[in-house]
Amino acid sequence: MESLHRKAVELDVRLRKRLALPGQQQLMSTKPPQILTAELVLSVSDLPSRE
């Protein structure tokens, strides 16, 4: 009898956690992606010669 009661309590706890998860996920804020770019501009005279 005691083990059945313990199992019922464990299942109830698991159910409550599972039902709370979608609510917690809705509260999460997503951040927009950060796009980082760089550019390197060289003139032909800056390049090493091919001698």
C-alpha atoms as a PDB file:
ATOM      1  CA  MET A   1       0.000   0.000   0.000  1.00  0.00           C
ATOM      2  CA  GLU A   2       2.820   2.388   0.890  1.00  0.00           C
ATOM      3  CA  SER A   3       4.663   1.748  -2.381  1.00  0.00           C
ATOM      4  CA  LEU A   4       1.500   2.449  -4.399  1.00  0.00           C
ATOM      5  CA  HIS A   5       1.034   5.754  -2.590  1.00  0.00           C
ATOM      6  CA  ARG A   6       4.703   6.681  -3.187  1.00  0.00           C
ATOM      7  CA  LYS A   7       4.381   5.787  -6.874  1.00  0.00           C
ATOM      8  CA  ALA A   8       1.224   7.909  -7.185  1.00  0.00           C
ATOM      9  CA  VAL A   9       3.023  10.880  -5.616  1.00  0.00           C
ATOM     10  CA  GLU A  10       6.005  10.433  -7.969  1.00  0.00           C
ATOM     11  CA  LEU A  11       3.715  10.286 -10.995  1.00  0.00           C
ATOM     12  CA  ASP A  12       1.859  13.393  -9.828  1.00  0.00           C
ATOM     13  CA  VAL A  13       5.129  15.303  -9.459  1.00  0.00           C
ATOM     14  CA  ARG A  14       6.264  14.225 -12.939  1.00  0.00           C
ATOM     15  CA  LEU A  15       2.916  15.239 -14.434  1.00  0.00           C
ATOM     16  CA  ARG A  16       3.034  18.678 -12.813  1.00  0.00           C
ATOM     17  CA  LYS A  17       6.583  19.260 -14.081  1.00  0.00           C
ATOM     18  CA  ARG A  18       5.603  18.187 -17.587  1.00  0.00           C
ATOM     19  CA  LEU A  19       2.532  20.433 -17.608  1.00  0.00           C
ATOM     20  CA  ALA A  20       4.562  23.416 -16.360  1.00  0.00           C
ATOM     21  CA  LEU A  21       7.179  23.079 -19.111  1.00  0.00           C
ATOM     22  CA  PRO A  22       5.176  24.671 -21.996  1.00  0.00           C
ATOM     23  CA  GLY A  23       4.354  27.657 -19.775  1.00  0.00           C
ATOM     24  CA  GLN A  24       8.016  28.124 -18.925  1.00  0.00           C
ATOM     25  CA  GLN A  25       8.988  27.846 -22.585  1.00  0.00           C
ATOM     26  CA  GLN A  26       6.550  30.641 -23.491  1.00  0.00           C
ATOM     27  CA  LEU A  27       8.258  32.927 -20.977  1.00  0.00           C
ATOM     28  CA  MET A  28      11.657  32.386 -22.572  1.00  0.00           C
ATOM     29  CA  SER A  29      12.704  35.244 -24.789  1.00  0.00           C
ATOM     30  CA  THR A  30      14.632  34.551 -27.914  1.00  0.00           C
ATOM     31  CA  LYS A  31      17.340  36.898 -28.993  1.00  0.00           C
ATOM     32  CA  PRO A  32      17.740  37.753 -32.657  1.00  0.00           C
ATOM     33  CA  PRO A  33      20.922  36.369 -34.197  1.00  0.00           C
ATOM     34  CA  GLN A  34      23.933  38.644 -34.227  1.00  0.00           C
ATOM     35  CA  ILE A  35      25.604  38.909 -37.595  1.00  0.00           C
ATOM     36  CA  LEU A  36      29.212  39.975 -37.527  1.00  0.00           C
ATOM     37  CA  THR A  37      31.014  40.832 -40.719  1.00  0.00           C
ATOM     38  CA  ALA A  38      34.436  42.117 -41.627  1.00  0.00           C
ATOM     39  CA  GLU A  39      35.977  43.300 -44.832  1.00  0.00           C
ATOM     40  CA  LEU A  40      39.588  43.612 -45.857  1.00  0.00           C
ATOM     41  CA  VAL A  41      40.305  45.788 -48.869  1.00  0.00           C
ATOM     42  CA  LEU A  42      43.770  45.697 -50.411  1.00  0.00           C
ATOM     43  CA  SER A  43      45.018  47.486 -53.434  1.00  0.00           C
ATOM     44  CA  VAL A  44      47.052  45.566 -55.973  1.00  0.00           C
ATOM     45  CA  SER A  45      50.154  47.482 -54.880  1.00  0.00           C
ATOM     46  CA  ASP A  46      49.746  46.105 -51.329  1.00  0.00           C
ATOM     47  CA  LEU A  47      50.019  42.506 -52.544  1.00  0.00           C
ATOM     48  CA  PRO A  48      53.436  40.834 -52.612  1.00  0.00           C
ATOM     49  CA  SER A  49      54.973  40.637 -56.036  1.00  0.00           C
ATOM     50  CA  ARG A  50      55.358  37.278 -57.782  1.00  0.00           C
ATOM     51  CA  GLU A  51      58.956  37.498 -58.857  1.00  0.00           C
END
